[in-house]
N, C-alpha and C. Protein backbone atom coordinates (compact mmCIF):
# COMPACT_ATOMS: atom_id res chain seq x y z
N UNK A 1 -74.06 8.22 -35.84
CA UNK A 1 -72.85 8.84 -36.36
C UNK A 1 -71.63 8.05 -35.86
N UNK A 2 -70.69 7.78 -36.72
CA UNK A 2 -69.53 6.98 -36.36
C UNK A 2 -68.55 7.80 -35.52
N UNK A 3 -68.09 7.20 -34.45
CA UNK A 3 -67.12 7.84 -33.56
C UNK A 3 -65.94 6.89 -33.41
N UNK A 4 -64.70 7.39 -33.56
CA UNK A 4 -63.55 6.50 -33.44
C UNK A 4 -63.40 5.95 -32.02
N UNK A 5 -63.01 4.69 -31.92
CA UNK A 5 -62.84 4.06 -30.60
C UNK A 5 -61.51 4.41 -29.98
N UNK A 6 -60.50 4.60 -30.81
CA UNK A 6 -59.16 4.87 -30.32
C UNK A 6 -58.62 6.15 -30.96
N UNK A 7 -57.65 6.74 -30.27
CA UNK A 7 -57.00 7.94 -30.79
C UNK A 7 -56.15 7.56 -32.00
N UNK A 8 -56.22 8.36 -33.05
CA UNK A 8 -55.42 8.10 -34.24
C UNK A 8 -53.99 8.60 -34.01
N UNK A 9 -53.02 7.78 -34.35
CA UNK A 9 -51.63 8.14 -34.10
C UNK A 9 -51.19 9.31 -34.97
N UNK A 10 -50.11 9.95 -34.56
CA UNK A 10 -49.58 11.10 -35.32
C UNK A 10 -49.14 10.68 -36.71
N UNK A 11 -48.51 9.51 -36.82
CA UNK A 11 -48.03 9.08 -38.13
C UNK A 11 -49.19 8.80 -39.08
N UNK A 12 -50.25 8.20 -38.58
CA UNK A 12 -51.41 7.95 -39.44
C UNK A 12 -52.08 9.26 -39.83
N UNK A 13 -52.19 10.19 -38.89
CA UNK A 13 -52.81 11.48 -39.19
C UNK A 13 -51.99 12.24 -40.22
N UNK A 14 -50.67 12.27 -40.03
CA UNK A 14 -49.81 13.03 -40.94
C UNK A 14 -49.73 12.38 -42.32
N UNK A 15 -49.75 11.06 -42.37
CA UNK A 15 -49.72 10.41 -43.69
C UNK A 15 -51.02 10.64 -44.44
N UNK A 16 -52.12 10.75 -43.72
CA UNK A 16 -53.40 11.05 -44.37
C UNK A 16 -53.42 12.49 -44.88
N UNK A 17 -52.86 13.40 -44.08
CA UNK A 17 -52.85 14.82 -44.45
C UNK A 17 -51.78 15.16 -45.48
N UNK A 18 -50.92 14.22 -45.82
CA UNK A 18 -49.85 14.48 -46.78
C UNK A 18 -50.39 14.77 -48.17
N UNK A 19 -51.65 14.40 -48.43
CA UNK A 19 -52.24 14.63 -49.75
C UNK A 19 -53.03 15.92 -49.83
N UNK A 20 -52.95 16.77 -48.82
CA UNK A 20 -53.69 18.03 -48.81
C UNK A 20 -52.94 19.16 -49.49
N UNK A 21 -52.01 18.86 -50.37
CA UNK A 21 -51.15 19.86 -50.98
C UNK A 21 -51.95 20.78 -51.92
N UNK A 22 -51.57 22.04 -51.95
CA UNK A 22 -52.18 23.00 -52.86
C UNK A 22 -51.49 22.91 -54.21
N UNK A 23 -52.24 23.13 -55.28
CA UNK A 23 -51.65 23.10 -56.61
C UNK A 23 -51.27 24.51 -57.05
N UNK A 24 -50.24 24.61 -57.85
CA UNK A 24 -49.79 25.91 -58.34
C UNK A 24 -50.78 26.44 -59.38
N UNK A 25 -50.88 27.76 -59.44
CA UNK A 25 -51.79 28.40 -60.38
C UNK A 25 -51.16 28.33 -61.77
N UNK A 26 -51.93 27.87 -62.76
CA UNK A 26 -51.41 27.78 -64.12
C UNK A 26 -51.48 29.16 -64.78
N UNK A 27 -50.49 29.46 -65.58
CA UNK A 27 -50.43 30.74 -66.29
C UNK A 27 -50.12 30.50 -67.76
N UNK A 28 -50.48 31.48 -68.56
CA UNK A 28 -50.14 31.47 -69.98
C UNK A 28 -49.83 32.90 -70.39
N UNK A 29 -49.21 33.08 -71.53
CA UNK A 29 -48.86 34.43 -71.96
C UNK A 29 -50.03 35.07 -72.71
N UNK A 30 -50.18 36.37 -72.50
CA UNK A 30 -51.24 37.13 -73.15
C UNK A 30 -50.90 37.31 -74.63
N UNK A 31 -51.84 37.10 -75.54
CA UNK A 31 -51.53 37.27 -76.97
C UNK A 31 -51.31 38.74 -77.36
N UNK A 32 -51.81 39.68 -76.56
CA UNK A 32 -51.65 41.10 -76.89
C UNK A 32 -50.33 41.67 -76.37
N UNK A 33 -50.07 41.49 -75.05
CA UNK A 33 -48.90 42.14 -74.45
C UNK A 33 -47.84 41.15 -73.99
N UNK A 34 -48.06 39.86 -74.13
CA UNK A 34 -47.14 38.79 -73.76
C UNK A 34 -46.85 38.72 -72.26
N UNK A 35 -47.68 39.34 -71.42
CA UNK A 35 -47.52 39.22 -69.98
C UNK A 35 -48.19 37.93 -69.51
N UNK A 36 -47.78 37.44 -68.35
CA UNK A 36 -48.37 36.22 -67.82
C UNK A 36 -49.76 36.51 -67.27
N UNK A 37 -50.70 35.63 -67.58
CA UNK A 37 -52.07 35.77 -67.09
C UNK A 37 -52.65 34.38 -66.87
N UNK A 38 -53.73 34.31 -66.09
CA UNK A 38 -54.42 33.05 -65.88
C UNK A 38 -55.31 32.76 -67.07
N UNK A 39 -55.43 31.49 -67.47
CA UNK A 39 -56.30 31.17 -68.60
C UNK A 39 -57.76 31.44 -68.29
N UNK A 40 -58.52 31.83 -69.28
CA UNK A 40 -59.96 32.13 -69.21
C UNK A 40 -60.26 33.35 -68.36
N UNK A 41 -59.29 34.23 -68.15
CA UNK A 41 -59.47 35.48 -67.43
C UNK A 41 -58.85 36.61 -68.24
N UNK A 42 -59.34 37.83 -68.03
CA UNK A 42 -58.77 38.98 -68.72
C UNK A 42 -57.36 39.25 -68.19
N UNK A 43 -56.51 39.76 -69.05
CA UNK A 43 -55.13 40.05 -68.68
C UNK A 43 -55.10 41.21 -67.68
N UNK A 44 -54.41 41.06 -66.55
CA UNK A 44 -54.39 42.15 -65.57
C UNK A 44 -53.53 43.34 -65.99
N UNK A 45 -52.62 43.16 -66.95
CA UNK A 45 -51.77 44.28 -67.34
C UNK A 45 -52.36 45.11 -68.48
N UNK A 46 -52.98 44.47 -69.47
CA UNK A 46 -53.55 45.24 -70.58
C UNK A 46 -55.07 45.21 -70.62
N UNK A 47 -55.71 44.29 -69.91
CA UNK A 47 -57.17 44.24 -69.83
C UNK A 47 -57.85 43.61 -71.02
N UNK A 48 -57.14 42.85 -71.84
CA UNK A 48 -57.75 42.26 -73.02
C UNK A 48 -58.10 40.80 -72.77
N UNK A 49 -59.20 40.37 -73.40
CA UNK A 49 -59.61 38.97 -73.34
C UNK A 49 -60.43 38.67 -74.59
N UNK A 50 -60.06 37.65 -75.32
CA UNK A 50 -60.75 37.21 -76.53
C UNK A 50 -60.90 38.34 -77.54
N UNK A 51 -59.85 39.14 -77.70
CA UNK A 51 -59.87 40.21 -78.69
C UNK A 51 -60.60 41.47 -78.26
N UNK A 52 -61.11 41.50 -77.04
CA UNK A 52 -61.81 42.68 -76.54
C UNK A 52 -61.04 43.31 -75.40
N UNK A 53 -61.31 44.59 -75.14
CA UNK A 53 -60.62 45.32 -74.08
C UNK A 53 -61.59 45.55 -72.92
N UNK A 54 -61.17 45.19 -71.72
CA UNK A 54 -61.97 45.40 -70.52
C UNK A 54 -61.17 46.28 -69.57
N UNK A 55 -61.58 47.54 -69.45
CA UNK A 55 -60.85 48.49 -68.62
C UNK A 55 -60.95 48.14 -67.14
N UNK A 56 -62.06 47.50 -66.74
CA UNK A 56 -62.24 47.17 -65.33
C UNK A 56 -61.30 46.03 -64.89
N UNK A 57 -60.74 45.30 -65.83
CA UNK A 57 -59.87 44.18 -65.48
C UNK A 57 -58.41 44.61 -65.33
N UNK A 58 -58.07 45.82 -65.74
CA UNK A 58 -56.68 46.27 -65.64
C UNK A 58 -56.29 46.51 -64.20
N UNK A 59 -55.07 46.13 -63.87
CA UNK A 59 -54.56 46.31 -62.51
C UNK A 59 -54.10 47.76 -62.36
N UNK A 60 -54.54 48.40 -61.29
CA UNK A 60 -54.12 49.78 -61.01
C UNK A 60 -53.29 49.80 -59.75
N UNK A 61 -52.61 50.91 -59.52
CA UNK A 61 -51.74 51.04 -58.37
C UNK A 61 -52.53 51.07 -57.06
N UNK A 62 -53.64 51.81 -57.05
CA UNK A 62 -54.43 51.97 -55.83
C UNK A 62 -55.85 51.46 -56.08
N UNK A 63 -56.07 50.20 -55.77
CA UNK A 63 -57.41 49.65 -55.89
C UNK A 63 -58.05 49.66 -54.52
N UNK A 64 -59.26 50.20 -54.43
CA UNK A 64 -59.94 50.13 -53.17
C UNK A 64 -60.56 51.39 -52.84
């Protein structure tokens, strides 16, 4: 197993970690209620996906 011979400097470590950025979640508008939702998922406000209604996907006030 490879083991580094010398300590890696802070600048090298930070420049390597500069590419660890998280990407923003993409959203699109729901065709039924025009609320923002993630693509390929049921709408959390109305519960519709691909012309069907899924009651379990609707967001409620007290989940749990």
